[in-house]
Amino acid sequence: MATKKEKWDGRSRPSNKAYDKGYERIFGKKEEEELKESYQQSKTNKKEREDYFKSKSVKQLLEEMDQEELKKIDERNGF
């Protein structure tokens, strides 16, 4: 025997312009702003990384590495 589907009470989620405007106010613009902000931060981080590595020589970068990291690299390369 099939059960009858419950009827919508009309209060839990009104489907009208007020609902659409509220949804857009809460979720719409905020997401776009967050994406733009995140993108700008990513570009800033990338530039900082590029500037950091351009300013250092390979020798300086290796000297900054932790001795344990150098040992792990040597072990992987068979030195």
Protein backbone atom coordinates (compact mmCIF):
# COMPACT_ATOMS: atom_id res chain seq x y z
CA MET A 1 0.00 0.00 0.00
CA ALA A 2 1.47 3.35 -1.05
CA THR A 3 1.71 6.13 1.51
CA LYS A 4 0.36 9.55 0.73
CA LYS A 5 3.03 12.24 0.49
CA GLU A 6 2.81 14.93 3.15
CA LYS A 7 1.56 18.28 1.95
CA TRP A 8 3.82 21.30 2.22
CA ASP A 9 2.79 23.47 5.16
CA GLY A 10 3.63 26.70 3.35
CA ARG A 11 5.89 28.02 6.10
CA SER A 12 9.13 26.07 6.06
CA ARG A 13 10.37 27.33 2.70
CA PRO A 14 8.25 29.89 0.92
CA SER A 15 8.93 29.97 -2.79
CA ASN A 16 8.46 33.62 -3.62
CA LYS A 17 10.54 36.71 -4.34
CA ALA A 18 11.18 37.35 -0.64
CA TYR A 19 12.77 33.91 -0.31
CA ASP A 20 14.88 34.43 -3.43
CA LYS A 21 16.09 37.84 -2.23
CA GLY A 22 16.91 36.50 1.22
CA TYR A 23 18.80 33.55 -0.21
CA GLU A 24 20.77 35.83 -2.52
CA ARG A 25 21.51 38.22 0.35
CA ILE A 26 22.83 35.43 2.55
CA PHE A 27 24.66 33.20 0.08
CA GLY A 28 25.04 34.97 -3.26
CA LYS A 29 27.33 37.98 -2.99
CA LYS A 30 29.30 36.66 -0.06
CA GLU A 31 30.61 33.74 -2.07
CA GLU A 32 31.79 35.98 -4.90
CA GLU A 33 33.53 38.34 -2.47
CA GLU A 34 35.25 35.45 -0.69
CA LEU A 35 36.43 34.00 -4.00
CA LYS A 36 37.87 37.34 -5.08
CA GLU A 37 39.59 37.80 -1.73
CA SER A 38 41.01 34.27 -1.85
CA TYR A 39 42.26 34.79 -5.40
CA GLN A 40 44.00 38.04 -4.45
CA GLN A 41 45.65 36.33 -1.47
CA SER A 42 46.85 33.49 -3.71
CA LYS A 43 48.41 35.96 -6.12
CA THR A 44 50.14 37.76 -3.24
CA ASN A 45 51.49 34.48 -1.83
CA LYS A 46 52.79 33.40 -5.23
CA LYS A 47 54.60 36.70 -5.74
CA GLU A 48 56.17 36.45 -2.27
CA ARG A 49 57.40 32.91 -3.01
CA GLU A 50 58.83 33.93 -6.37
CA ASP A 51 60.58 36.95 -4.88
CA TYR A 52 62.00 34.85 -2.05
CA PHE A 53 63.46 32.21 -4.35
CA LYS A 54 64.79 34.76 -6.84
CA SER A 55 66.69 36.53 -4.07
CA LYS A 56 68.43 33.36 -2.84
CA SER A 57 71.08 31.21 -4.40
CA VAL A 58 70.83 27.44 -4.35
CA LYS A 59 73.57 27.32 -1.74
CA GLN A 60 71.72 29.73 0.55
CA LEU A 61 68.49 27.76 0.20
CA LEU A 62 70.26 24.53 1.05
CA GLU A 63 71.90 26.11 4.07
CA GLU A 64 68.50 27.18 5.35
CA MET A 65 67.15 23.65 5.15
CA ASP A 66 67.13 21.61 8.31
CA GLN A 67 69.97 19.07 8.61
CA GLU A 68 67.45 16.24 9.00
CA GLU A 69 65.85 17.15 5.69
CA LEU A 70 69.26 17.04 4.02
CA LYS A 71 69.91 13.59 5.47
CA LYS A 72 66.56 12.32 4.17
CA ILE A 73 67.38 13.65 0.70
CA ASP A 74 70.80 11.99 0.80
CA GLU A 75 69.27 8.67 1.85
CA ARG A 76 66.72 8.79 -0.96
CA ASN A 77 69.44 9.58 -3.51
CA GLY A 78 71.77 6.89 -2.18
CA PHE A 79 74.53 9.12 -0.84
